PDB file of N, CA and C in Angstrom:
ATOM      1  N   MET A   1     146.117   6.046 118.883  1.00  0.00           N
ATOM      2  CA  MET A   1     146.037   5.770 117.459  1.00  0.00           C
ATOM      3  C   MET A   1     146.991   6.677 116.678  1.00  0.00           C
ATOM      4  N   LYS A   2     146.980   8.001 116.993  1.00  0.00           N
ATOM      5  CA  LYS A   2     147.849   8.928 116.282  1.00  0.00           C
ATOM      6  C   LYS A   2     149.315   8.590 116.512  1.00  0.00           C
ATOM      7  N   LEU A   3     149.648   8.179 117.740  1.00  0.00           N
ATOM      8  CA  LEU A   3     151.026   7.812 118.050  1.00  0.00           C
ATOM      9  C   LEU A   3     151.448   6.596 117.230  1.00  0.00           C
ATOM     10  N   LYS A   4     150.555   5.627 117.095  1.00  0.00           N
ATOM     11  CA  LYS A   4     150.855   4.422 116.320  1.00  0.00           C
ATOM     12  C   LYS A   4     151.107   4.785 114.856  1.00  0.00           C
ATOM     13  N   ILE A   5     150.319   5.672 114.291  1.00  0.00           N
ATOM     14  CA  ILE A   5     150.489   6.102 112.898  1.00  0.00           C
ATOM     15  C   ILE A   5     151.820   6.827 112.733  1.00  0.00           C
ATOM     16  N   LYS A   6     152.158   7.683 113.695  1.00  0.00           N
ATOM     17  CA  LYS A   6     153.433   8.401 113.629  1.00  0.00           C
ATOM     18  C   LYS A   6     154.610   7.439 113.693  1.00  0.00           C
ATOM     19  N   ILE A   7     154.525   6.449 114.558  1.00  0.00           N
ATOM     20  CA  ILE A   7     155.603   5.458 114.682  1.00  0.00           C
ATOM     21  C   ILE A   7     155.743   4.666 113.392  1.00  0.00           C
ATOM     22  N   ILE A   8     154.635   4.250 112.812  1.00  0.00           N
ATOM     23  CA  ILE A   8     154.672   3.508 111.547  1.00  0.00           C
ATOM     24  C   ILE A   8     155.255   4.379 110.440  1.00  0.00           C
ATOM     25  N   ALA A   9     154.816   5.627 110.353  1.00  0.00           N
ATOM     26  CA  ALA A   9     155.333   6.533 109.320  1.00  0.00           C
ATOM     27  C   ALA A   9     156.828   6.753 109.496  1.00  0.00           C
ATOM     28  N   LEU A  10     157.270   6.928 110.721  1.00  0.00           N
ATOM     29  CA  LEU A  10     158.692   7.126 110.997  1.00  0.00           C
ATOM     30  C   LEU A  10     159.503   5.888 110.632  1.00  0.00           C
ATOM     31  N   SER A  11     158.993   4.705 110.956  1.00  0.00           N
ATOM     32  CA  SER A  11     159.734   3.482 110.637  1.00  0.00           C
ATOM     33  C   SER A  11     159.811   3.251 109.131  1.00  0.00           C
ATOM     34  N   VAL A  12     158.753   3.573 108.395  1.00  0.00           N
ATOM     35  CA  VAL A  12     158.779   3.454 106.933  1.00  0.00           C
ATOM     36  C   VAL A  12     159.786   4.425 106.340  1.00  0.00           C
ATOM     37  N   LEU A  13     159.790   5.653 106.824  1.00  0.00           N
ATOM     38  CA  LEU A  13     160.736   6.656 106.346  1.00  0.00           C
ATOM     39  C   LEU A  13     162.174   6.226 106.620  1.00  0.00           C
ATOM     40  N   MET A  14     162.439   5.743 107.808  1.00  0.00           N
ATOM     41  CA  MET A  14     163.799   5.325 108.159  1.00  0.00           C
ATOM     42  C   MET A  14     164.230   4.110 107.354  1.00  0.00           C
ATOM     43  N   SER A  15     163.339   3.148 107.157  1.00  0.00           N
ATOM     44  CA  SER A  15     163.718   1.957 106.403  1.00  0.00           C
ATOM     45  C   SER A  15     163.943   2.283 104.934  1.00  0.00           C
ATOM     46  N   SER A  16     163.168   3.203 104.363  1.00  0.00           N
ATOM     47  CA  SER A  16     163.384   3.564 102.962  1.00  0.00           C
ATOM     48  C   SER A  16     164.706   4.300 102.798  1.00  0.00           C
ATOM     49  N   ASN A  17     165.099   5.129 103.765  1.00  0.00           N
ATOM     50  CA  ASN A  17     166.405   5.785 103.714  1.00  0.00           C
ATOM     51  C   ASN A  17     167.529   4.768 103.826  1.00  0.00           C
ATOM     52  N   ALA A  18     167.350   3.755 104.661  1.00  0.00           N
ATOM     53  CA  ALA A  18     168.370   2.716 104.805  1.00  0.00           C
ATOM     54  C   ALA A  18     168.524   1.936 103.509  1.00  0.00           C
ATOM     55  N   VAL A  19     167.416   1.622 102.857  1.00  0.00           N
ATOM     56  CA  VAL A  19     167.477   0.911 101.579  1.00  0.00           C
ATOM     57  C   VAL A  19     168.163   1.770 100.534  1.00  0.00           C
ATOM     58  N   LEU A  20     167.824   3.050 100.473  1.00  0.00           N
ATOM     59  CA  LEU A  20     168.451   3.955  99.520  1.00  0.00           C
ATOM     60  C   LEU A  20     169.947   4.062  99.784  1.00  0.00           C
ATOM     61  N   ALA A  21     170.333   4.162 101.041  1.00  0.00           N
ATOM     62  CA  ALA A  21     171.751   4.288 101.386  1.00  0.00           C
ATOM     63  C   ALA A  21     172.520   3.032 101.006  1.00  0.00           C
ATOM     64  N   GLN A  22     171.885   1.866 101.093  1.00  0.00           N
ATOM     65  CA  GLN A  22     172.563   0.608 100.801  1.00  0.00           C
ATOM     66  C   GLN A  22     172.525   0.236  99.325  1.00  0.00           C
ATOM     67  N   SER A  23     171.777   0.949  98.507  1.00  0.00           N
ATOM     68  CA  SER A  23     171.609   0.546  97.113  1.00  0.00           C
ATOM     69  C   SER A  23     172.877   0.712  96.288  1.00  0.00           C
ATOM     70  N   ASN A  24     173.778   1.592  96.685  1.00  0.00           N
ATOM     71  CA  ASN A  24     175.025   1.794  95.952  1.00  0.00           C
ATOM     72  C   ASN A  24     176.206   1.176  96.680  1.00  0.00           C
ATOM     73  N   CYS A  25     176.001   0.045  97.273  1.00  0.00           N
ATOM     74  CA  CYS A  25     177.070  -0.665  97.967  1.00  0.00           C
ATOM     75  C   CYS A  25     177.752  -1.630  97.000  1.00  0.00           C
ATOM     76  N   VAL A  26     178.976  -1.994  97.344  1.00  0.00           N
ATOM     77  CA  VAL A  26     179.737  -2.949  96.544  1.00  0.00           C
ATOM     78  C   VAL A  26     180.151  -4.094  97.456  1.00  0.00           C
ATOM     79  N   ARG A  27     179.920  -5.317  97.006  1.00  0.00           N
ATOM     80  CA  ARG A  27     180.383  -6.475  97.773  1.00  0.00           C
ATOM     81  C   ARG A  27     181.893  -6.583  97.642  1.00  0.00           C
ATOM     82  N   VAL A  28     182.571  -6.742  98.757  1.00  0.00           N
ATOM     83  CA  VAL A  28     184.032  -6.812  98.761  1.00  0.00           C
ATOM     84  C   VAL A  28     184.520  -8.017  97.962  1.00  0.00           C
ATOM     85  N   ASP A  29     183.789  -9.133  98.011  1.00  0.00           N
ATOM     86  CA  ASP A  29     184.242 -10.326  97.281  1.00  0.00           C
ATOM     87  C   ASP A  29     184.105 -10.186  95.765  1.00  0.00           C
ATOM     88  N   GLN A  30     183.474  -9.120  95.268  1.00  0.00           N
ATOM     89  CA  GLN A  30     183.397  -8.836  93.829  1.00  0.00           C
ATOM     90  C   GLN A  30     184.644  -8.116  93.331  1.00  0.00           C
ATOM     91  N   ILE A  31     185.390  -7.510  94.247  1.00  0.00           N
ATOM     92  CA  ILE A  31     186.488  -6.628  93.869  1.00  0.00           C
ATOM     93  C   ILE A  31     187.757  -7.419  93.582  1.00  0.00           C
ATOM     94  N   ALA A  32     188.301  -7.219  92.377  1.00  0.00           N
ATOM     95  CA  ALA A  32     189.571  -7.848  92.014  1.00  0.00           C
ATOM     96  C   ALA A  32     190.731  -6.891  92.231  1.00  0.00           C
ATOM     97  N   LYS A  33     190.522  -5.612  91.875  1.00  0.00           N
ATOM     98  CA  LYS A  33     191.595  -4.635  92.071  1.00  0.00           C
ATOM     99  C   LYS A  33     191.031  -3.227  92.124  1.00  0.00           C
ATOM    100  N   TRP A  34     191.879  -2.331  92.635  1.00  0.00           N
ATOM    101  CA  TRP A  34     191.587  -0.908  92.734  1.00  0.00           C
ATOM    102  C   TRP A  34     192.608  -0.156  91.911  1.00  0.00           C
ATOM    103  N   GLU A  35     192.171   0.913  91.275  1.00  0.00           N
ATOM    104  CA  GLU A  35     193.101   1.813  90.598  1.00  0.00           C
ATOM    105  C   GLU A  35     192.887   3.206  91.185  1.00  0.00           C
ATOM    106  N   VAL A  36     193.942   3.766  91.762  1.00  0.00           N
ATOM    107  CA  VAL A  36     193.853   5.106  92.333  1.00  0.00           C
ATOM    108  C   VAL A  36     193.963   6.110  91.195  1.00  0.00           C
ATOM    109  N   LEU A  37     192.927   6.928  91.021  1.00  0.00           N
ATOM    110  CA  LEU A  37     192.906   7.924  89.948  1.00  0.00           C
ATOM    111  C   LEU A  37     193.524   9.244  90.387  1.00  0.00           C
ATOM    112  N   ASP A  38     193.254   9.637  91.620  1.00  0.00           N
ATOM    113  CA  ASP A  38     193.883  10.836  92.187  1.00  0.00           C
ATOM    114  C   ASP A  38     193.930  10.681  93.699  1.00  0.00           C
ATOM    115  N   SER A  39     194.118  11.764  94.419  1.00  0.00           N
ATOM    116  CA  SER A  39     194.353  11.685  95.861  1.00  0.00           C
ATOM    117  C   SER A  39     193.199  11.104  96.667  1.00  0.00           C
ATOM    118  N   ASN A  40     192.005  11.079  96.118  1.00  0.00           N
ATOM    119  CA  ASN A  40     190.881  10.535  96.882  1.00  0.00           C
ATOM    120  C   ASN A  40     189.872   9.742  96.046  1.00  0.00           C
ATOM    121  N   LYS A  41     190.161   9.484  94.782  1.00  0.00           N
ATOM    122  CA  LYS A  41     189.198   8.786  93.921  1.00  0.00           C
ATOM    123  C   LYS A  41     189.830   7.533  93.330  1.00  0.00           C
ATOM    124  N   THR A  42     189.065   6.438  93.365  1.00  0.00           N
ATOM    125  CA  THR A  42     189.526   5.171  92.803  1.00  0.00           C
ATOM    126  C   THR A  42     188.475   4.631  91.839  1.00  0.00           C
ATOM    127  N   VAL A  43     188.904   3.722  90.985  1.00  0.00           N
ATOM    128  CA  VAL A  43     187.969   2.946  90.179  1.00  0.00           C
ATOM    129  C   VAL A  43     188.145   1.498  90.626  1.00  0.00           C
ATOM    130  N   VAL A  44     187.026   0.791  90.739  1.00  0.00           N
ATOM    131  CA  VAL A  44     187.023  -0.577  91.234  1.00  0.00           C
ATOM    132  C   VAL A  44     186.748  -1.519  90.070  1.00  0.00           C
ATOM    133  N   TYR A  45     187.550  -2.582  89.968  1.00  0.00           N
ATOM    134  CA  TYR A  45     187.400  -3.583  88.913  1.00  0.00           C
ATOM    135  C   TYR A  45     186.894  -4.888  89.509  1.00  0.00           C
ATOM    136  N   ASP A  46     186.035  -5.589  88.747  1.00  0.00           N
ATOM    137  CA  ASP A  46     185.535  -6.882  89.199  1.00  0.00           C
ATOM    138  C   ASP A  46     186.475  -8.004  88.774  1.00  0.00           C
ATOM    139  N   LEU A  47     186.110  -9.226  89.091  1.00  0.00           N
ATOM    140  CA  LEU A  47     186.960 -10.387  88.828  1.00  0.00           C
ATOM    141  C   LEU A  47     187.149 -10.663  87.342  1.00  0.00           C
ATOM    142  N   GLN A  48     186.238 -10.171  86.490  1.00  0.00           N
ATOM    143  CA  GLN A  48     186.353 -10.358  85.044  1.00  0.00           C
ATOM    144  C   GLN A  48     187.093  -9.195  84.378  1.00  0.00           C
ATOM    145  N   GLY A  49     187.546  -8.233  85.150  1.00  0.00           N
ATOM    146  CA  GLY A  49     188.278  -7.093  84.601  1.00  0.00           C
ATOM    147  C   GLY A  49     187.411  -5.906  84.241  1.00  0.00           C
ATOM    148  N   GLY A  50     186.106  -6.030  84.436  1.00  0.00           N
ATOM    149  CA  GLY A  50     185.202  -4.916  84.158  1.00  0.00           C
ATOM    150  C   GLY A  50     185.170  -3.928  85.310  1.00  0.00           C
ATOM    151  N   THR A  51     184.751  -2.718  85.018  1.00  0.00           N
ATOM    152  CA  THR A  51     184.657  -1.706  86.061  1.00  0.00           C
ATOM    153  C   THR A  51     183.323  -1.814  86.791  1.00  0.00           C
ATOM    154  N   ILE A  52     183.358  -1.633  88.096  1.00  0.00           N
ATOM    155  CA  ILE A  52     182.150  -1.694  88.919  1.00  0.00           C
ATOM    156  C   ILE A  52     181.686  -0.290  89.291  1.00  0.00           C
ATOM    157  N   ALA A  53     182.616   0.508  89.849  1.00  0.00           N
ATOM    158  CA  ALA A  53     182.219   1.813  90.386  1.00  0.00           C
ATOM    159  C   ALA A  53     183.430   2.700  90.615  1.00  0.00           C
ATOM    160  N   PHE A  54     183.146   3.990  90.720  1.00  0.00           N
ATOM    161  CA  PHE A  54     184.122   4.937  91.250  1.00  0.00           C
ATOM    162  C   PHE A  54     183.847   5.032  92.745  1.00  0.00           C
ATOM    163  N   VAL A  55     184.885   4.981  93.540  1.00  0.00           N
ATOM    164  CA  VAL A  55     184.745   5.135  94.986  1.00  0.00           C
ATOM    165  C   VAL A  55     185.567   6.349  95.396  1.00  0.00           C
ATOM    166  N   VAL A  56     184.909   7.286  96.057  1.00  0.00           N
ATOM    167  CA  VAL A  56     185.566   8.518  96.492  1.00  0.00           C
ATOM    168  C   VAL A  56     185.696   8.474  98.011  1.00  0.00           C
ATOM    169  N   PHE A  57     186.893   8.779  98.483  1.00  0.00           N
ATOM    170  CA  PHE A  57     187.192   8.764  99.911  1.00  0.00           C
ATOM    171  C   PHE A  57     187.337  10.186 100.427  1.00  0.00           C
ATOM    172  N   ALA A  58     187.197  10.358 101.744  1.00  0.00           N
ATOM    173  CA  ALA A  58     187.515  11.646 102.358  1.00  0.00           C
ATOM    174  C   ALA A  58     188.958  11.971 101.986  1.00  0.00           C
ATOM    175  N   SER A  59     189.277  13.227 101.786  1.00  0.00           N
ATOM    176  CA  SER A  59     190.564  13.594 101.188  1.00  0.00           C
ATOM    177  C   SER A  59     191.779  13.360 102.075  1.00  0.00           C
ATOM    178  N   TYR A  60     191.610  13.133 103.340  1.00  0.00           N
ATOM    179  CA  TYR A  60     192.773  12.854 104.179  1.00  0.00           C
ATOM    180  C   TYR A  60     192.599  11.498 104.817  1.00  0.00           C
ATOM    181  N   PRO A  61     193.541  10.601 104.804  1.00  0.00           N
ATOM    182  CA  PRO A  61     194.868  10.727 104.191  1.00  0.00           C
ATOM    183  C   PRO A  61     194.786  10.536 102.683  1.00  0.00           C
ATOM    184  N   TYR A  62     195.707  11.147 101.970  1.00  0.00           N
ATOM    185  CA  TYR A  62     195.722  11.023 100.514  1.00  0.00           C
ATOM    186  C   TYR A  62     196.088   9.610 100.097  1.00  0.00           C
ATOM    187  N   LEU A  63     195.471   9.131  99.031  1.00  0.00           N
ATOM    188  CA  LEU A  63     195.762   7.795  98.520  1.00  0.00           C
ATOM    189  C   LEU A  63     197.025   7.826  97.673  1.00  0.00           C
ATOM    190  N   LYS A  64     197.805   6.757  97.772  1.00  0.00           N
ATOM    191  CA  LYS A  64     199.020   6.643  96.960  1.00  0.00           C
ATOM    192  C   LYS A  64     198.651   6.064  95.599  1.00  0.00           C
ATOM    193  N   LYS A  65     199.319   6.528  94.545  1.00  0.00           N
ATOM    194  CA  LYS A  65     199.033   6.057  93.179  1.00  0.00           C
ATOM    195  C   LYS A  65     199.340   4.571  93.018  1.00  0.00           C
ATOM    196  N   SER A  66     200.348   4.062  93.716  1.00  0.00           N
ATOM    197  CA  SER A  66     200.660   2.632  93.612  1.00  0.00           C
ATOM    198  C   SER A  66     200.964   2.089  95.002  1.00  0.00           C
ATOM    199  N   GLY A  67     200.663   0.839  95.188  1.00  0.00           N
ATOM    200  CA  GLY A  67     200.937   0.190  96.456  1.00  0.00           C
ATOM    201  C   GLY A  67     199.959   0.514  97.573  1.00  0.00           C
ATOM    202  N   GLU A  68     198.836   1.128  97.238  1.00  0.00           N
ATOM    203  CA  GLU A  68     197.836   1.443  98.262  1.00  0.00           C
ATOM    204  C   GLU A  68     197.133   0.164  98.684  1.00  0.00           C
ATOM    205  N   THR A  69     196.925   0.003  99.969  1.00  0.00           N
ATOM    206  CA  THR A  69     196.178  -1.149 100.469  1.00  0.00           C
ATOM    207  C   THR A  69     194.892  -0.665 101.125  1.00  0.00           C
ATOM    208  N   PHE A  70     193.866  -1.499 101.047  1.00  0.00           N
ATOM    209  CA  PHE A  70     192.565  -1.177 101.613  1.00  0.00           C
ATOM    210  C   PHE A  70     192.151  -2.317 102.530  1.00  0.00           C
ATOM    211  N   ARG A  71     191.575  -1.981 103.677  1.00  0.00           N
ATOM    212  CA  ARG A  71     191.070  -2.996 104.596  1.00  0.00           C
ATOM    213  C   ARG A  71     189.649  -2.608 104.990  1.00  0.00           C
ATOM    214  N   PHE A  72     188.732  -3.562 104.812  1.00  0.00           N
ATOM    215  CA  PHE A  72     187.320  -3.321 105.082  1.00  0.00           C
ATOM    216  C   PHE A  72     186.884  -4.142 106.284  1.00  0.00           C
ATOM    217  N   PHE A  73     185.822  -3.716 106.927  1.00  0.00           N
ATOM    218  CA  PHE A  73     185.373  -4.356 108.153  1.00  0.00           C
ATOM    219  C   PHE A  73     183.986  -4.973 108.022  1.00  0.00           C
ATOM    220  N   SER A  74     183.512  -5.121 106.789  1.00  0.00           N
ATOM    221  CA  SER A  74     182.234  -5.774 106.528  1.00  0.00           C
ATOM    222  C   SER A  74     182.293  -6.378 105.125  1.00  0.00           C
ATOM    223  N   PRO A  75     181.363  -7.264 104.777  1.00  0.00           N
ATOM    224  CA  PRO A  75     181.386  -7.893 103.452  1.00  0.00           C
ATOM    225  C   PRO A  75     180.971  -6.963 102.316  1.00  0.00           C
ATOM    226  N   THR A  76     180.417  -5.799 102.649  1.00  0.00           N
ATOM    227  CA  THR A  76     180.067  -4.808 101.632  1.00  0.00           C
ATOM    228  C   THR A  76     180.660  -3.466 102.036  1.00  0.00           C
ATOM    229  N   ILE A  77     180.922  -2.628 101.034  1.00  0.00           N
ATOM    230  CA  ILE A  77     181.332  -1.260 101.329  1.00  0.00           C
ATOM    231  C   ILE A  77     180.242  -0.332 100.812  1.00  0.00           C
ATOM    232  N   CYS A  78     179.906   0.639 101.633  1.00  0.00           N
ATOM    233  CA  CYS A  78     178.839   1.576 101.314  1.00  0.00           C
ATOM    234  C   CYS A  78     179.292   2.989 101.661  1.00  0.00           C
ATOM    235  N   LYS A  79     178.560   3.952 101.166  1.00  0.00           N
ATOM    236  CA  LYS A  79     178.827   5.350 101.495  1.00  0.00           C
ATOM    237  C   LYS A  79     178.856   5.517 103.017  1.00  0.00           C
ATOM    238  N   PHE A  80     179.805   6.289 103.497  1.00  0.00           N
ATOM    239  CA  PHE A  80     180.031   6.606 104.906  1.00  0.00           C
ATOM    240  C   PHE A  80     180.696   5.485 105.698  1.00  0.00           C
ATOM    241  N   ASP A  81     181.040   4.367 105.057  1.00  0.00           N
ATOM    242  CA  ASP A  81     181.793   3.321 105.758  1.00  0.00           C
ATOM    243  C   ASP A  81     183.207   3.798 106.039  1.00  0.00           C
ATOM    244  N   ARG A  82     183.767   3.312 107.138  1.00  0.00           N
ATOM    245  CA  ARG A  82     185.160   3.591 107.478  1.00  0.00           C
ATOM    246  C   ARG A  82     186.021   2.511 106.842  1.00  0.00           C
ATOM    247  N   VAL A  83     187.159   2.922 106.297  1.00  0.00           N
ATOM    248  CA  VAL A  83     188.071   2.021 105.596  1.00  0.00           C
ATOM    249  C   VAL A  83     189.485   2.316 106.079  1.00  0.00           C
ATOM    250  N   GLN A  84     190.255   1.261 106.286  1.00  0.00           N
ATOM    251  CA  GLN A  84     191.656   1.463 106.627  1.00  0.00           C
ATOM    252  C   GLN A  84     192.468   1.439 105.341  1.00  0.00           C
ATOM    253  N   VAL A  85     193.255   2.492 105.122  1.00  0.00           N
ATOM    254  CA  VAL A  85     194.178   2.566 103.990  1.00  0.00           C
ATOM    255  C   VAL A  85     195.590   2.588 104.556  1.00  0.00           C
ATOM    256  N   THR A  86     196.578   2.584 103.680  1.00  0.00           N
ATOM    257  CA  THR A  86     197.966   2.502 104.108  1.00  0.00           C
ATOM    258  C   THR A  86     198.311   3.544 105.168  1.00  0.00           C
ATOM    259  N   GLU A  87     197.859   4.763 104.996  1.00  0.00           N
ATOM    260  CA  GLU A  87     198.237   5.860 105.895  1.00  0.00           C
ATOM    261  C   GLU A  87     197.314   6.034 107.098  1.00  0.00           C
ATOM    262  N   GLY A  88     196.254   5.258 107.217  1.00  0.00           N
ATOM    263  CA  GLY A  88     195.343   5.398 108.356  1.00  0.00           C
ATOM    264  C   GLY A  88     193.906   5.133 107.965  1.00  0.00           C
ATOM    265  N   MET A  89     192.983   5.675 108.748  1.00  0.00           N
ATOM    266  CA  MET A  89     191.559   5.474 108.496  1.00  0.00           C
ATOM    267  C   MET A  89     190.997   6.623 107.670  1.00  0.00           C
ATOM    268  N   THR A  90     190.034   6.286 106.811  1.00  0.00           N
ATOM    269  CA  THR A  90     189.331   7.287 106.025  1.00  0.00           C
ATOM    270  C   THR A  90     187.877   6.844 105.885  1.00  0.00           C
ATOM    271  N   THR A  91     187.074   7.670 105.265  1.00  0.00           N
ATOM    272  CA  THR A  91     185.651   7.405 105.088  1.00  0.00           C
ATOM    273  C   THR A  91     185.298   7.455 103.607  1.00  0.00           C
ATOM    274  N   ILE A  92     184.420   6.553 103.180  1.00  0.00           N
ATOM    275  CA  ILE A  92     183.912   6.596 101.809  1.00  0.00           C
ATOM    276  C   ILE A  92     182.868   7.703 101.745  1.00  0.00           C
ATOM    277  N   THR A  93     183.082   8.673 100.867  1.00  0.00           N
ATOM    278  CA  THR A  93     182.125   9.776 100.749  1.00  0.00           C
ATOM    279  C   THR A  93     181.149   9.582  99.601  1.00  0.00           C
ATOM    280  N   SER A  94     181.507   8.705  98.643  1.00  0.00           N
ATOM    281  CA  SER A  94     180.628   8.494  97.494  1.00  0.00           C
ATOM    282  C   SER A  94     180.977   7.181  96.807  1.00  0.00           C
ATOM    283  N   ILE A  95     179.961   6.477  96.358  1.00  0.00           N
ATOM    284  CA  ILE A  95     180.129   5.312  95.488  1.00  0.00           C
ATOM    285  C   ILE A  95     179.268   5.574  94.266  1.00  0.00           C
ATOM    286  N   GLU A  96     179.917   5.665  93.109  1.00  0.00           N
ATOM    287  CA  GLU A  96     179.232   5.988  91.867  1.00  0.00           C
ATOM    288  C   GLU A  96     179.293   4.775  90.940  1.00  0.00           C
ATOM    289  N   PRO A  97     178.221   3.976  90.880  1.00  0.00           N
ATOM    290  CA  PRO A  97     178.233   2.794  90.011  1.00  0.00           C
ATOM    291  C   PRO A  97     178.475   3.178  88.553  1.00  0.00           C
ATOM    292  N   ILE A  98     179.187   2.329  87.849  1.00  0.00           N
ATOM    293  CA  ILE A  98     179.452   2.543  86.426  1.00  0.00           C
ATOM    294  C   ILE A  98     178.445   1.713  85.648  1.00  0.00           C
ATOM    295  N   ARG A  99     177.655   2.381  84.813  1.00  0.00           N
ATOM    296  CA  ARG A  99     176.646   1.668  84.016  1.00  0.00           C
ATOM    297  C   ARG A  99     177.319   0.819  82.959  1.00  0.00           C
ATOM    298  N   LYS A 100     176.725  -0.323  82.696  1.00  0.00           N
ATOM    299  CA  LYS A 100     177.275  -1.231  81.684  1.00  0.00           C
ATOM    300  C   LYS A 100     176.363  -1.297  80.504  1.00  0.00           C
TER     301      LYS A 100
END
């Protein structure tokens, strides 16, 4: 009985962390363009021209101010996802939604 309770408690804890981790994700099909603000921070625009979020990447490789390309491997991007940029692979370290 105690083992069953521990397993249930662990699964609830893990699922709530997964939900929390996924709550600040952005659907790739919502993204119209990216604007590189500095070496590792971008702002994401939706199809209507509004801002969706700030996305911060691991600092290496540095993002180029213009002509940067991004390649994703899933329909959503979330914190800790790997992303291919012009200079190689990097990791998303933060997604900060912009309130409307």
